[in-house]
Amino acid sequence: MKLYFKSWLLRFFPDNIDAFTFGHRVFVRADTISRKMQLHELCHVCQYRKHGIWKFLWIYFVRERRLEYRDKSFEVEAYSCLTPVDLEILYPDDVTFIRSAVRKVYGY
């Protein structure tokens, strides 16, 4: 997971969008990111890893296009991840990746 702070890409998104994940890259509007948001975005990275970029984008933007943001399946899942352990339970095949990302992001 790679974080890009003060990303110019967020200029194309509504002001209430603080971060956007594409594959392993997380583009952040501000110059910092909360641990809660980092975990949320890490969940999206795991979703990309599981489904692949094209399937993730298809589900998110086409199949679920009529759903409100918080009702999209990927968002429901990401908001349910309150701890790294929650992610490990959802993505047992990515435990090594999750732990490595958490160490980088959280500093332990």
C-alpha atoms as a PDB file:
ATOM      1  CA  MET A   1       0.000   0.000   0.000  1.00  0.00           C
ATOM      2  CA  LYS A   2       1.432   3.341  -1.068  1.00  0.00           C
ATOM      3  CA  LEU A   3       0.018   6.602   0.286  1.00  0.00           C
ATOM      4  CA  TYR A   4       0.086   9.810  -1.764  1.00  0.00           C
ATOM      5  CA  PHE A   5      -0.669  12.903   0.306  1.00  0.00           C
ATOM      6  CA  LYS A   6      -2.130  16.181  -1.000  1.00  0.00           C
ATOM      7  CA  SER A   7      -2.970  14.359  -4.202  1.00  0.00           C
ATOM      8  CA  TRP A   8      -4.068  16.503  -7.130  1.00  0.00           C
ATOM      9  CA  LEU A   9      -6.345  13.636  -8.234  1.00  0.00           C
ATOM     10  CA  LEU A  10      -8.784  14.461  -5.445  1.00  0.00           C
ATOM     11  CA  ARG A  11      -9.559  17.765  -7.218  1.00  0.00           C
ATOM     12  CA  PHE A  12     -11.810  15.708  -9.490  1.00  0.00           C
ATOM     13  CA  PHE A  13     -13.780  14.264  -6.568  1.00  0.00           C
ATOM     14  CA  PRO A  14     -16.437  15.883  -4.364  1.00  0.00           C
ATOM     15  CA  ASP A  15     -15.078  17.706  -1.302  1.00  0.00           C
ATOM     16  CA  ASN A  16     -16.462  15.046   1.052  1.00  0.00           C
ATOM     17  CA  ILE A  17     -14.160  12.388  -0.457  1.00  0.00           C
ATOM     18  CA  ASP A  18     -10.968  12.410   1.613  1.00  0.00           C
ATOM     19  CA  ALA A  19      -9.191   9.501  -0.066  1.00  0.00           C
ATOM     20  CA  PHE A  20      -9.418   7.314  -3.137  1.00  0.00           C
ATOM     21  CA  THR A  21      -7.875   3.872  -3.555  1.00  0.00           C
ATOM     22  CA  PHE A  22      -6.784   2.480  -6.911  1.00  0.00           C
ATOM     23  CA  GLY A  23      -5.062  -0.867  -6.698  1.00  0.00           C
ATOM     24  CA  HIS A  24      -2.280  -0.529  -4.116  1.00  0.00           C
ATOM     25  CA  ARG A  25      -2.254   3.253  -4.289  1.00  0.00           C
ATOM     26  CA  VAL A  26      -4.174   5.458  -1.874  1.00  0.00           C
ATOM     27  CA  PHE A  27      -4.566   9.097  -2.858  1.00  0.00           C
ATOM     28  CA  VAL A  28      -5.275  11.345   0.128  1.00  0.00           C
ATOM     29  CA  ARG A  29      -6.617  14.898  -0.008  1.00  0.00           C
ATOM     30  CA  ALA A  30      -4.882  16.102   3.153  1.00  0.00           C
ATOM     31  CA  ASP A  31      -1.264  15.857   4.274  1.00  0.00           C
ATOM     32  CA  THR A  32      -2.135  13.326   6.999  1.00  0.00           C
ATOM     33  CA  ILE A  33      -4.481  10.383   7.360  1.00  0.00           C
ATOM     34  CA  SER A  34      -6.121   8.903  10.451  1.00  0.00           C
ATOM     35  CA  ARG A  35      -5.503   5.305  11.429  1.00  0.00           C
ATOM     36  CA  LYS A  36      -9.193   4.597  10.960  1.00  0.00           C
ATOM     37  CA  MET A  37      -9.056   5.884   7.382  1.00  0.00           C
ATOM     38  CA  GLN A  38      -5.818   4.000   6.727  1.00  0.00           C
ATOM     39  CA  LEU A  39      -7.491   0.776   7.787  1.00  0.00           C
ATOM     40  CA  HIS A  40     -10.531   1.569   5.639  1.00  0.00           C
ATOM     41  CA  GLU A  41      -8.329   2.172   2.597  1.00  0.00           C
ATOM     42  CA  LEU A  42      -6.250  -0.933   3.356  1.00  0.00           C
ATOM     43  CA  CYS A  43      -9.481  -2.916   3.184  1.00  0.00           C
ATOM     44  CA  HIS A  44     -10.055  -1.494  -0.309  1.00  0.00           C
ATOM     45  CA  VAL A  45      -6.522  -2.546  -1.275  1.00  0.00           C
ATOM     46  CA  CYS A  46      -7.357  -6.090  -0.132  1.00  0.00           C
ATOM     47  CA  GLN A  47     -10.574  -5.959  -2.157  1.00  0.00           C
ATOM     48  CA  TYR A  48      -8.584  -4.983  -5.255  1.00  0.00           C
ATOM     49  CA  ARG A  49      -6.159  -7.838  -4.558  1.00  0.00           C
ATOM     50  CA  LYS A  50      -9.006 -10.338  -4.257  1.00  0.00           C
ATOM     51  CA  HIS A  51     -11.127  -9.213  -7.208  1.00  0.00           C
ATOM     52  CA  GLY A  52      -8.607  -7.536  -9.490  1.00  0.00           C
ATOM     53  CA  ILE A  53      -8.789  -3.949 -10.673  1.00  0.00           C
ATOM     54  CA  TRP A  54     -11.357  -4.404 -13.461  1.00  0.00           C
ATOM     55  CA  LYS A  55     -13.778  -6.523 -11.451  1.00  0.00           C
ATOM     56  CA  PHE A  56     -13.534  -4.154  -8.469  1.00  0.00           C
ATOM     57  CA  LEU A  57     -14.239  -1.136 -10.678  1.00  0.00           C
ATOM     58  CA  TRP A  58     -17.108  -2.939 -12.447  1.00  0.00           C
ATOM     59  CA  ILE A  59     -18.792  -3.866  -9.171  1.00  0.00           C
ATOM     60  CA  TYR A  60     -18.230  -0.472  -7.561  1.00  0.00           C
ATOM     61  CA  PHE A  61     -19.089   1.851 -10.439  1.00  0.00           C
ATOM     62  CA  VAL A  62     -21.368  -0.194 -12.721  1.00  0.00           C
ATOM     63  CA  ARG A  63     -23.167  -2.978 -10.873  1.00  0.00           C
ATOM     64  CA  GLU A  64     -23.737  -0.885  -7.741  1.00  0.00           C
ATOM     65  CA  ARG A  65     -24.012   2.504  -9.473  1.00  0.00           C
ATOM     66  CA  ARG A  66     -27.504   3.158  -8.114  1.00  0.00           C
ATOM     67  CA  LEU A  67     -26.511   2.523  -4.509  1.00  0.00           C
ATOM     68  CA  GLU A  68     -25.567   5.291  -2.134  1.00  0.00           C
ATOM     69  CA  TYR A  69     -21.894   5.418  -1.127  1.00  0.00           C
ATOM     70  CA  ARG A  70     -22.342   3.782   2.302  1.00  0.00           C
ATOM     71  CA  ASP A  71     -24.602   1.068   0.829  1.00  0.00           C
ATOM     72  CA  LYS A  72     -22.049  -0.237  -1.685  1.00  0.00           C
ATOM     73  CA  SER A  73     -20.828  -3.700  -0.719  1.00  0.00           C
ATOM     74  CA  PHE A  74     -17.149  -2.698  -0.688  1.00  0.00           C
ATOM     75  CA  GLU A  75     -17.889   0.289   1.553  1.00  0.00           C
ATOM     76  CA  VAL A  76     -20.009  -1.772   3.965  1.00  0.00           C
ATOM     77  CA  GLU A  77     -17.103  -4.185   4.279  1.00  0.00           C
ATOM     78  CA  ALA A  78     -14.468  -1.444   4.632  1.00  0.00           C
ATOM     79  CA  TYR A  79     -16.445   0.378   7.320  1.00  0.00           C
ATOM     80  CA  SER A  80     -16.819  -2.907   9.218  1.00  0.00           C
ATOM     81  CA  CYS A  81     -13.019  -3.239   9.551  1.00  0.00           C
ATOM     82  CA  LEU A  82     -12.239  -1.570  12.846  1.00  0.00           C
ATOM     83  CA  THR A  83      -8.966  -3.368  13.577  1.00  0.00           C
ATOM     84  CA  PRO A  84      -6.261  -5.118  11.539  1.00  0.00           C
ATOM     85  CA  VAL A  85      -7.584  -8.415  12.923  1.00  0.00           C
ATOM     86  CA  ASP A  86     -10.936  -7.723  11.231  1.00  0.00           C
ATOM     87  CA  LEU A  87      -9.079  -7.485   7.931  1.00  0.00           C
ATOM     88  CA  GLU A  88      -7.163 -10.696   8.600  1.00  0.00           C
ATOM     89  CA  ILE A  89     -10.437 -12.521   9.228  1.00  0.00           C
ATOM     90  CA  LEU A  90     -11.952 -11.208   5.981  1.00  0.00           C
ATOM     91  CA  TYR A  91      -8.801 -11.830   3.943  1.00  0.00           C
ATOM     92  CA  PRO A  92      -6.941 -14.807   5.443  1.00  0.00           C
ATOM     93  CA  ASP A  93      -4.890 -15.257   2.257  1.00  0.00           C
ATOM     94  CA  ASP A  94      -3.526 -11.717   2.680  1.00  0.00           C
ATOM     95  CA  VAL A  95      -2.443 -11.908   6.337  1.00  0.00           C
ATOM     96  CA  THR A  96       1.253 -11.387   5.513  1.00  0.00           C
ATOM     97  CA  PHE A  97       0.446  -8.433   3.260  1.00  0.00           C
ATOM     98  CA  ILE A  98      -1.922  -6.905   5.842  1.00  0.00           C
ATOM     99  CA  ARG A  99       0.608  -7.219   8.660  1.00  0.00           C
ATOM    100  CA  SER A 100       3.339  -5.700   6.518  1.00  0.00           C
ATOM    101  CA  ALA A 101       1.101  -2.768   5.511  1.00  0.00           C
ATOM    102  CA  VAL A 102       0.006  -2.220   9.112  1.00  0.00           C
ATOM    103  CA  ARG A 103       3.642  -2.149  10.268  1.00  0.00           C
ATOM    104  CA  LYS A 104       4.489   0.453   7.619  1.00  0.00           C
ATOM    105  CA  VAL A 105       1.441   2.596   8.237  1.00  0.00           C
ATOM    106  CA  TYR A 106       1.121   2.264  12.013  1.00  0.00           C
ATOM    107  CA  GLY A 107       4.827   2.092  12.691  1.00  0.00           C
ATOM    108  CA  TYR A 108       4.814  -1.218  14.588  1.00  0.00           C
END
